[in-house]
Amino acid sequence: MARTPFRPTYPWRVSSSTTSERASVEPSPVVPGRSLLRPVLITNLVLEVGIVFTGGLVRLTGSGLGCPTWPQCVPGSFTPVPHQEQGIHKLIEFGNRTLTSVVGLAAIAVILAVWRWAPQRRSLRLLSFLPLLGVVAQTKCLEDGSRGAAIHDDLTPGSDDAVVTHQRAGGFQNSELDATLREAGVDTVVFVGVATNLSVEGTARVASDLGYHTVVVSDACSAATAAAHAASLESLGLLAEIITADELLAKFAERSTAVPQ
């Protein structure tokens, strides 16, 4: 006669309160200020549509020089004045320029809002930069020959200065910079400007690879954050000489006294 193996059993009871607690789903944590993300995006969209309209109006009416010295439409006035010769064009261009500035602020707000309140959505974070790029295109600040791309008046090139235009983050890529320097017999290049961790670092690395003595002036460069600036300088220290503006001026002074008059 076969015997069934003994299997112990244990009494148990299901608590209705425990079951309901397990079945319930804990709500996602509320991110402070996240409710503002949608209004920020909608506001930016409305402004973008507006800037497309005003930009098209500027081009259709030829009002591009309505405020030739914007943000001052005329010296001493930030708004159009009756005695301006541009007529209706001054109003159209003033409105377009002003709206472009507002859109620029809204574009920055979009980037901050998305990165603060939707950090887990990588695709949305990348798309958040599009409005700002649209403002750059609208203002033509990177268009050769435009006022936005012009060299600052305090740095106006002299008759013996060479100006090299490039269309990449690095100054040597697809430009005549290397040929211009070698033709002039230059063996040392000094870097200042923005951004430390983009154009400055990218161009300095190529300059070092090409055999130039590379010098980066630490307090004459800047980046979006102090941490990014410091990290870039630390990396560049492996292939370039890092000095301050005062140290650079001292080197110039030493060299001028060493050259026979």
C-alpha atoms as a PDB file:
ATOM      1  CA  MET A   1       0.000   0.000   0.000  1.00  0.00           C
ATOM      2  CA  ALA A   2       1.545   3.253  -1.188  1.00  0.00           C
ATOM      3  CA  ARG A   3       1.924   6.009   1.332  1.00  0.00           C
ATOM      4  CA  THR A   4       1.459   9.635   0.473  1.00  0.00           C
ATOM      5  CA  PRO A   5       4.354  11.774   1.709  1.00  0.00           C
ATOM      6  CA  PHE A   6       3.505  14.100   4.527  1.00  0.00           C
ATOM      7  CA  ARG A   7       3.290  17.762   3.504  1.00  0.00           C
ATOM      8  CA  PRO A   8       2.788  20.149   6.366  1.00  0.00           C
ATOM      9  CA  THR A   9       0.278  22.938   5.937  1.00  0.00           C
ATOM     10  CA  TYR A  10       0.241  26.246   7.701  1.00  0.00           C
ATOM     11  CA  PRO A  11      -2.837  28.272   8.432  1.00  0.00           C
ATOM     12  CA  TRP A  12      -2.767  31.804   7.032  1.00  0.00           C
ATOM     13  CA  ARG A  13      -5.101  34.699   6.711  1.00  0.00           C
ATOM     14  CA  VAL A  14      -5.285  37.528   4.154  1.00  0.00           C
ATOM     15  CA  SER A  15      -5.726  40.939   5.645  1.00  0.00           C
ATOM     16  CA  SER A  16      -7.941  43.146   3.535  1.00  0.00           C
ATOM     17  CA  SER A  17      -6.006  46.204   4.616  1.00  0.00           C
ATOM     18  CA  THR A  18      -2.667  44.637   3.595  1.00  0.00           C
ATOM     19  CA  THR A  19      -4.020  43.569   0.202  1.00  0.00           C
ATOM     20  CA  SER A  20      -5.377  46.986  -0.563  1.00  0.00           C
ATOM     21  CA  GLU A  21      -2.089  48.591   0.431  1.00  0.00           C
ATOM     22  CA  ARG A  22      -0.131  46.289  -1.903  1.00  0.00           C
ATOM     23  CA  ALA A  23      -2.577  46.773  -4.733  1.00  0.00           C
ATOM     24  CA  SER A  24      -2.443  50.524  -4.519  1.00  0.00           C
ATOM     25  CA  VAL A  25       0.171  52.300  -6.624  1.00  0.00           C
ATOM     26  CA  GLU A  26       2.108  55.032  -4.978  1.00  0.00           C
ATOM     27  CA  PRO A  27       1.774  58.305  -6.852  1.00  0.00           C
ATOM     28  CA  SER A  28       4.841  59.726  -8.549  1.00  0.00           C
ATOM     29  CA  PRO A  29       6.615  62.360  -6.537  1.00  0.00           C
ATOM     30  CA  VAL A  30       5.466  65.861  -7.375  1.00  0.00           C
ATOM     31  CA  VAL A  31       8.257  68.013  -8.781  1.00  0.00           C
ATOM     32  CA  PRO A  32       7.916  71.579  -7.466  1.00  0.00           C
ATOM     33  CA  GLY A  33       7.064  73.985 -10.283  1.00  0.00           C
ATOM     34  CA  ARG A  34       6.481  71.259 -12.880  1.00  0.00           C
ATOM     35  CA  SER A  35       2.995  72.612 -13.554  1.00  0.00           C
ATOM     36  CA  LEU A  36       4.661  75.686 -15.053  1.00  0.00           C
ATOM     37  CA  LEU A  37       6.356  73.675 -17.815  1.00  0.00           C
ATOM     38  CA  ARG A  38       3.316  73.595 -20.090  1.00  0.00           C
ATOM     39  CA  PRO A  39       2.604  77.372 -19.848  1.00  0.00           C
ATOM     40  CA  VAL A  40       6.254  78.114 -20.584  1.00  0.00           C
ATOM     41  CA  LEU A  41       6.197  75.918 -23.693  1.00  0.00           C
ATOM     42  CA  ILE A  42       2.893  77.360 -24.918  1.00  0.00           C
ATOM     43  CA  THR A  43       4.081  80.938 -24.386  1.00  0.00           C
ATOM     44  CA  ASN A  44       7.247  80.219 -26.305  1.00  0.00           C
ATOM     45  CA  LEU A  45       5.242  78.682 -29.172  1.00  0.00           C
ATOM     46  CA  VAL A  46       3.019  81.768 -29.430  1.00  0.00           C
ATOM     47  CA  LEU A  47       6.058  84.054 -29.459  1.00  0.00           C
ATOM     48  CA  GLU A  48       7.767  81.929 -32.110  1.00  0.00           C
ATOM     49  CA  VAL A  49       4.728  82.244 -34.361  1.00  0.00           C
ATOM     50  CA  GLY A  50       4.762  85.991 -33.753  1.00  0.00           C
ATOM     51  CA  ILE A  51       8.424  86.343 -34.666  1.00  0.00           C
ATOM     52  CA  VAL A  52       7.867  84.418 -37.898  1.00  0.00           C
ATOM     53  CA  PHE A  53       5.099  86.897 -38.774  1.00  0.00           C
ATOM     54  CA  THR A  54       7.090  90.034 -37.931  1.00  0.00           C
ATOM     55  CA  GLY A  55      10.213  88.670 -39.590  1.00  0.00           C
ATOM     56  CA  GLY A  56       8.257  88.012 -42.771  1.00  0.00           C
ATOM     57  CA  LEU A  57       6.777  91.513 -42.561  1.00  0.00           C
ATOM     58  CA  VAL A  58      10.250  93.015 -42.300  1.00  0.00           C
ATOM     59  CA  ARG A  59      11.364  91.181 -45.421  1.00  0.00           C
ATOM     60  CA  LEU A  60       8.223  91.913 -47.427  1.00  0.00           C
ATOM     61  CA  THR A  61       8.361  95.630 -46.664  1.00  0.00           C
ATOM     62  CA  GLY A  62      12.146  95.988 -46.783  1.00  0.00           C
ATOM     63  CA  SER A  63      12.246  97.379 -43.244  1.00  0.00           C
ATOM     64  CA  GLY A  64      15.579  95.820 -42.310  1.00  0.00           C
ATOM     65  CA  LEU A  65      17.199  99.220 -41.719  1.00  0.00           C
ATOM     66  CA  GLY A  66      14.265 100.758 -39.852  1.00  0.00           C
ATOM     67  CA  CYS A  67      16.366 100.899 -36.665  1.00  0.00           C
ATOM     68  CA  PRO A  68      19.934 100.849 -38.001  1.00  0.00           C
ATOM     69  CA  THR A  69      21.476 101.393 -34.563  1.00  0.00           C
ATOM     70  CA  TRP A  70      19.137  99.111 -32.576  1.00  0.00           C
ATOM     71  CA  PRO A  71      18.623  98.820 -29.602  1.00  0.00           C
ATOM     72  CA  GLN A  72      18.652 102.583 -30.107  1.00  0.00           C
ATOM     73  CA  CYS A  73      16.567 103.521 -33.138  1.00  0.00           C
ATOM     74  CA  VAL A  74      18.455 106.805 -33.156  1.00  0.00           C
ATOM     75  CA  PRO A  75      21.264 107.880 -30.842  1.00  0.00           C
ATOM     76  CA  GLY A  76      19.749 108.647 -27.451  1.00  0.00           C
ATOM     77  CA  SER A  77      16.369 106.977 -28.032  1.00  0.00           C
ATOM     78  CA  PHE A  78      15.450 103.312 -27.608  1.00  0.00           C
ATOM     79  CA  THR A  79      12.134 103.846 -29.394  1.00  0.00           C
ATOM     80  CA  PRO A  80      11.300 105.312 -32.819  1.00  0.00           C
ATOM     81  CA  VAL A  81      11.025 109.107 -32.953  1.00  0.00           C
ATOM     82  CA  PRO A  82       8.864 111.216 -35.280  1.00  0.00           C
ATOM     83  CA  HIS A  83      11.765 112.865 -37.124  1.00  0.00           C
ATOM     84  CA  GLN A  84      13.209 109.565 -38.364  1.00  0.00           C
ATOM     85  CA  GLU A  85      13.378 109.272 -42.142  1.00  0.00           C
ATOM     86  CA  GLN A  86      12.424 105.565 -42.204  1.00  0.00           C
ATOM     87  CA  GLY A  87       8.681 106.186 -41.824  1.00  0.00           C
ATOM     88  CA  ILE A  88       6.637 103.036 -41.201  1.00  0.00           C
ATOM     89  CA  HIS A  89       9.768 100.928 -41.516  1.00  0.00           C
ATOM     90  CA  LYS A  90      11.050 102.188 -38.173  1.00  0.00           C
ATOM     91  CA  LEU A  91       7.947 100.852 -36.423  1.00  0.00           C
ATOM     92  CA  ILE A  92       8.058  97.467 -38.155  1.00  0.00           C
ATOM     93  CA  GLU A  93      11.738  96.929 -37.475  1.00  0.00           C
ATOM     94  CA  PHE A  94      11.474  98.179 -33.899  1.00  0.00           C
ATOM     95  CA  GLY A  95       8.626  95.765 -33.212  1.00  0.00           C
ATOM     96  CA  ASN A  96      10.487  92.876 -34.805  1.00  0.00           C
ATOM     97  CA  ARG A  97      13.706  93.565 -32.913  1.00  0.00           C
ATOM     98  CA  THR A  98      11.885  93.976 -29.613  1.00  0.00           C
ATOM     99  CA  LEU A  99       9.895  90.782 -30.112  1.00  0.00           C
ATOM    100  CA  THR A 100      13.096  88.957 -31.038  1.00  0.00           C
ATOM    101  CA  SER A 101      14.580  89.970 -27.682  1.00  0.00           C
ATOM    102  CA  VAL A 102      11.486  88.728 -25.852  1.00  0.00           C
ATOM    103  CA  VAL A 103      11.616  85.445 -27.784  1.00  0.00           C
ATOM    104  CA  GLY A 104      15.274  85.097 -26.818  1.00  0.00           C
ATOM    105  CA  LEU A 105      14.387  85.353 -23.143  1.00  0.00           C
ATOM    106  CA  ALA A 106      11.522  82.889 -23.633  1.00  0.00           C
ATOM    107  CA  ALA A 107      13.870  80.456 -25.396  1.00  0.00           C
ATOM    108  CA  ILE A 108      16.246  80.565 -22.438  1.00  0.00           C
ATOM    109  CA  ALA A 109      13.267  80.017 -20.121  1.00  0.00           C
ATOM    110  CA  VAL A 110      12.309  76.911 -22.140  1.00  0.00           C
ATOM    111  CA  ILE A 111      15.786  75.427 -21.734  1.00  0.00           C
ATOM    112  CA  LEU A 112      15.806  76.078 -17.990  1.00  0.00           C
ATOM    113  CA  ALA A 113      12.254  74.758 -17.542  1.00  0.00           C
ATOM    114  CA  VAL A 114      12.821  71.537 -19.483  1.00  0.00           C
ATOM    115  CA  TRP A 115      16.116  70.744 -17.802  1.00  0.00           C
ATOM    116  CA  ARG A 116      14.654  71.526 -14.383  1.00  0.00           C
ATOM    117  CA  TRP A 117      11.229  69.918 -14.619  1.00  0.00           C
ATOM    118  CA  ALA A 118      11.678  67.170 -17.240  1.00  0.00           C
ATOM    119  CA  PRO A 119      15.273  65.965 -16.756  1.00  0.00           C
ATOM    120  CA  GLN A 120      14.405  62.346 -17.610  1.00  0.00           C
ATOM    121  CA  ARG A 121      13.155  63.200 -21.120  1.00  0.00           C
ATOM    122  CA  ARG A 122      16.384  63.346 -23.109  1.00  0.00           C
ATOM    123  CA  SER A 123      14.751  64.016 -26.487  1.00  0.00           C
ATOM    124  CA  LEU A 124      12.814  66.948 -25.033  1.00  0.00           C
ATOM    125  CA  ARG A 125      15.993  68.361 -23.526  1.00  0.00           C
ATOM    126  CA  LEU A 126      17.672  68.320 -26.937  1.00  0.00           C
ATOM    127  CA  LEU A 127      14.651  69.908 -28.596  1.00  0.00           C
ATOM    128  CA  SER A 128      14.633  72.659 -25.983  1.00  0.00           C
ATOM    129  CA  PHE A 129      17.603  74.296 -27.724  1.00  0.00           C
ATOM    130  CA  LEU A 130      15.746  74.726 -31.035  1.00  0.00           C
ATOM    131  CA  PRO A 131      13.934  77.957 -30.037  1.00  0.00           C
ATOM    132  CA  LEU A 132      17.232  79.572 -29.073  1.00  0.00           C
ATOM    133  CA  LEU A 133      18.803  78.500 -32.360  1.00  0.00           C
ATOM    134  CA  GLY A 134      15.810  80.023 -34.123  1.00  0.00           C
ATOM    135  CA  VAL A 135      16.483  83.335 -32.387  1.00  0.00           C
ATOM    136  CA  VAL A 136      20.112  83.178 -33.525  1.00  0.00           C
ATOM    137  CA  ALA A 137      18.954  82.645 -37.108  1.00  0.00           C
ATOM    138  CA  GLN A 138      16.389  85.451 -36.816  1.00  0.00           C
ATOM    139  CA  THR A 139      18.882  88.002 -35.522  1.00  0.00           C
ATOM    140  CA  LYS A 140      21.487  86.945 -38.135  1.00  0.00           C
ATOM    141  CA  CYS A 141      24.132  87.311 -35.441  1.00  0.00           C
ATOM    142  CA  LEU A 142      26.221  84.620 -37.160  1.00  0.00           C
ATOM    143  CA  GLU A 143      25.706  85.882 -40.699  1.00  0.00           C
ATOM    144  CA  ASP A 144      28.867  87.241 -42.305  1.00  0.00           C
ATOM    145  CA  GLY A 145      28.538  90.936 -43.003  1.00  0.00           C
ATOM    146  CA  SER A 146      25.721  91.512 -40.494  1.00  0.00           C
ATOM    147  CA  ARG A 147      26.064  93.836 -37.520  1.00  0.00           C
ATOM    148  CA  GLY A 148      25.682  90.925 -35.126  1.00  0.00           C
ATOM    149  CA  ALA A 149      28.702  89.169 -36.621  1.00  0.00           C
ATOM    150  CA  ALA A 150      30.837  92.298 -36.857  1.00  0.00           C
ATOM    151  CA  ILE A 151      34.022  92.724 -34.854  1.00  0.00           C
ATOM    152  CA  HIS A 152      33.500  94.924 -31.792  1.00  0.00           C
ATOM    153  CA  ASP A 153      34.486  98.561 -32.267  1.00  0.00           C
ATOM    154  CA  ASP A 154      37.087  98.298 -29.486  1.00  0.00           C
ATOM    155  CA  LEU A 155      38.824  95.561 -31.479  1.00  0.00           C
ATOM    156  CA  THR A 156      38.652  97.130 -34.933  1.00  0.00           C
ATOM    157  CA  PRO A 157      41.406  95.498 -37.041  1.00  0.00           C
ATOM    158  CA  GLY A 158      44.256  97.700 -38.169  1.00  0.00           C
ATOM    159  CA  SER A 159      45.585  97.944 -41.683  1.00  0.00           C
ATOM    160  CA  ASP A 160      48.238  95.301 -40.968  1.00  0.00           C
ATOM    161  CA  ASP A 161      45.883  92.883 -39.171  1.00  0.00           C
ATOM    162  CA  ALA A 162      44.613  89.708 -40.856  1.00  0.00           C
ATOM    163  CA  VAL A 163      40.977  88.690 -40.331  1.00  0.00           C
ATOM    164  CA  VAL A 164      40.147  85.013 -40.889  1.00  0.00           C
ATOM    165  CA  THR A 165      36.513  83.916 -41.052  1.00  0.00           C
ATOM    166  CA  HIS A 166      35.592  80.350 -40.141  1.00  0.00           C
ATOM    167  CA  GLN A 167      32.298  78.465 -40.023  1.00  0.00           C
ATOM    168  CA  ARG A 168      33.162  75.763 -37.515  1.00  0.00           C
ATOM    169  CA  ALA A 169      33.704  75.744 -33.779  1.00  0.00           C
ATOM    170  CA  GLY A 170      37.446  75.398 -34.392  1.00  0.00           C
ATOM    171  CA  GLY A 171      39.285  78.200 -36.116  1.00  0.00           C
ATOM    172  CA  PHE A 172      41.525  75.987 -38.266  1.00  0.00           C
ATOM    173  CA  GLN A 173      38.804  73.812 -39.820  1.00  0.00           C
ATOM    174  CA  ASN A 174      38.077  74.822 -43.447  1.00  0.00           C
ATOM    175  CA  SER A 175      39.770  78.198 -43.014  1.00  0.00           C
ATOM    176  CA  GLU A 176      42.977  79.971 -44.051  1.00  0.00           C
ATOM    177  CA  LEU A 177      44.180  80.443 -40.490  1.00  0.00           C
ATOM    178  CA  ASP A 178      47.110  78.000 -40.622  1.00  0.00           C
ATOM    179  CA  ALA A 179      48.306  79.302 -43.993  1.00  0.00           C
ATOM    180  CA  THR A 180      47.991  82.915 -42.829  1.00  0.00           C
ATOM    181  CA  LEU A 181      50.014  82.273 -39.669  1.00  0.00           C
ATOM    182  CA  ARG A 182      52.769  80.368 -41.431  1.00  0.00           C
ATOM    183  CA  GLU A 183      53.033  82.979 -44.151  1.00  0.00           C
ATOM    184  CA  ALA A 184      53.565  85.607 -41.452  1.00  0.00           C
ATOM    185  CA  GLY A 185      56.184  83.446 -39.722  1.00  0.00           C
ATOM    186  CA  VAL A 186      54.122  83.052 -36.559  1.00  0.00           C
ATOM    187  CA  ASP A 187      55.151  80.224 -34.242  1.00  0.00           C
ATOM    188  CA  THR A 188      53.164  81.194 -31.103  1.00  0.00           C
ATOM    189  CA  VAL A 189      49.398  81.664 -30.846  1.00  0.00           C
ATOM    190  CA  VAL A 190      47.628  83.245 -27.878  1.00  0.00           C
ATOM    191  CA  PHE A 191      43.981  82.394 -27.197  1.00  0.00           C
ATOM    192  CA  VAL A 192      41.322  84.594 -25.606  1.00  0.00           C
ATOM    193  CA  GLY A 193      37.536  84.606 -26.010  1.00  0.00           C
ATOM    194  CA  VAL A 194      34.525  82.346 -25.556  1.00  0.00           C
ATOM    195  CA  ALA A 195      33.740  79.685 -24.945  1.00  0.00           C
ATOM    196  CA  THR A 196      36.701  78.184 -23.124  1.00  0.00           C
ATOM    197  CA  ASN A 197      35.398  74.643 -23.504  1.00  0.00           C
ATOM    198  CA  LEU A 198      34.308  75.030 -27.141  1.00  0.00           C
ATOM    199  CA  SER A 199      36.005  77.310 -29.661  1.00  0.00           C
ATOM    200  CA  VAL A 200      38.987  78.170 -27.491  1.00  0.00           C
ATOM    201  CA  GLU A 201      39.789  74.605 -26.475  1.00  0.00           C
ATOM    202  CA  GLY A 202      38.993  73.138 -29.895  1.00  0.00           C
ATOM    203  CA  THR A 203      41.218  75.596 -31.749  1.00  0.00           C
ATOM    204  CA  ALA A 204      43.992  75.423 -29.147  1.00  0.00           C
ATOM    205  CA  ARG A 205      44.178  71.634 -29.443  1.00  0.00           C
ATOM    206  CA  VAL A 206      44.566  71.830 -33.209  1.00  0.00           C
ATOM    207  CA  ALA A 207      47.176  74.581 -32.875  1.00  0.00           C
ATOM    208  CA  SER A 208      49.208  72.353 -30.567  1.00  0.00           C
ATOM    209  CA  ASP A 209      48.905  69.432 -33.000  1.00  0.00           C
ATOM    210  CA  LEU A 210      50.142  71.684 -35.815  1.00  0.00           C
ATOM    211  CA  GLY A 211      53.268  72.526 -33.822  1.00  0.00           C
ATOM    212  CA  TYR A 212      52.469  76.031 -32.594  1.00  0.00           C
ATOM    213  CA  HIS A 213      53.502  77.187 -29.147  1.00  0.00           C
ATOM    214  CA  THR A 214      50.007  77.488 -27.675  1.00  0.00           C
ATOM    215  CA  VAL A 215      49.150  79.986 -24.954  1.00  0.00           C
ATOM    216  CA  VAL A 216      45.726  80.341 -23.303  1.00  0.00           C
ATOM    217  CA  VAL A 217      44.964  83.440 -21.248  1.00  0.00           C
ATOM    218  CA  SER A 218      42.848  82.048 -18.419  1.00  0.00           C
ATOM    219  CA  ASP A 219      41.173  85.261 -17.243  1.00  0.00           C
ATOM    220  CA  ALA A 220      40.480  86.450 -20.798  1.00  0.00           C
ATOM    221  CA  CYS A 221      38.332  83.391 -21.580  1.00  0.00           C
ATOM    222  CA  SER A 222      35.008  82.281 -20.177  1.00  0.00           C
ATOM    223  CA  ALA A 223      32.460  79.484 -20.366  1.00  0.00           C
ATOM    224  CA  ALA A 224      28.827  79.018 -19.382  1.00  0.00           C
ATOM    225  CA  THR A 225      29.844  77.916 -15.888  1.00  0.00           C
ATOM    226  CA  ALA A 226      32.916  78.357 -13.741  1.00  0.00           C
ATOM    227  CA  ALA A 227      33.227  74.578 -13.460  1.00  0.00           C
ATOM    228  CA  ALA A 228      33.275  74.121 -17.252  1.00  0.00           C
ATOM    229  CA  HIS A 229      35.859  76.900 -17.569  1.00  0.00           C
ATOM    230  CA  ALA A 230      38.105  75.373 -14.918  1.00  0.00           C
ATOM    231  CA  ALA A 231      37.809  71.849 -16.340  1.00  0.00           C
ATOM    232  CA  SER A 232      38.738  73.062 -19.815  1.00  0.00           C
ATOM    233  CA  LEU A 233      41.779  74.947 -18.542  1.00  0.00           C
ATOM    234  CA  GLU A 234      42.897  71.904 -16.588  1.00  0.00           C
ATOM    235  CA  SER A 235      42.682  69.777 -19.731  1.00  0.00           C
ATOM    236  CA  LEU A 236      44.419  72.393 -21.879  1.00  0.00           C
ATOM    237  CA  GLY A 237      47.245  72.559 -19.354  1.00  0.00           C
ATOM    238  CA  LEU A 238      48.519  69.266 -20.774  1.00  0.00           C
ATOM    239  CA  LEU A 239      49.294  70.820 -24.157  1.00  0.00           C
ATOM    240  CA  ALA A 240      49.292  74.596 -23.733  1.00  0.00           C
ATOM    241  CA  GLU A 241      50.779  77.266 -21.508  1.00  0.00           C
ATOM    242  CA  ILE A 242      48.112  78.704 -19.208  1.00  0.00           C
ATOM    243  CA  ILE A 243      48.785  82.268 -18.086  1.00  0.00           C
ATOM    244  CA  THR A 244      46.861  85.334 -16.903  1.00  0.00           C
ATOM    245  CA  ALA A 245      46.413  88.610 -18.783  1.00  0.00           C
ATOM    246  CA  ASP A 246      48.880  90.365 -16.462  1.00  0.00           C
ATOM    247  CA  GLU A 247      51.473  87.676 -17.104  1.00  0.00           C
ATOM    248  CA  LEU A 248      50.955  88.036 -20.851  1.00  0.00           C
ATOM    249  CA  LEU A 249      51.404  91.800 -20.715  1.00  0.00           C
ATOM    250  CA  ALA A 250      54.552  91.328 -18.634  1.00  0.00           C
ATOM    251  CA  LYS A 251      55.952  88.988 -21.292  1.00  0.00           C
ATOM    252  CA  PHE A 252      55.216  91.591 -23.979  1.00  0.00           C
ATOM    253  CA  ALA A 253      56.971  94.230 -21.898  1.00  0.00           C
ATOM    254  CA  GLU A 254      60.023  92.025 -21.419  1.00  0.00           C
ATOM    255  CA  ARG A 255      60.192  91.294 -25.124  1.00  0.00           C
ATOM    256  CA  SER A 256      59.899  94.957 -26.111  1.00  0.00           C
ATOM    257  CA  THR A 257      62.788  95.913 -23.806  1.00  0.00           C
ATOM    258  CA  ALA A 258      64.907  93.055 -25.097  1.00  0.00           C
ATOM    259  CA  VAL A 259      64.536  94.114 -28.736  1.00  0.00           C
ATOM    260  CA  PRO A 260      67.252  96.622 -29.744  1.00  0.00           C
ATOM    261  CA  GLN A 261      65.842 100.041 -30.551  1.00  0.00           C
END
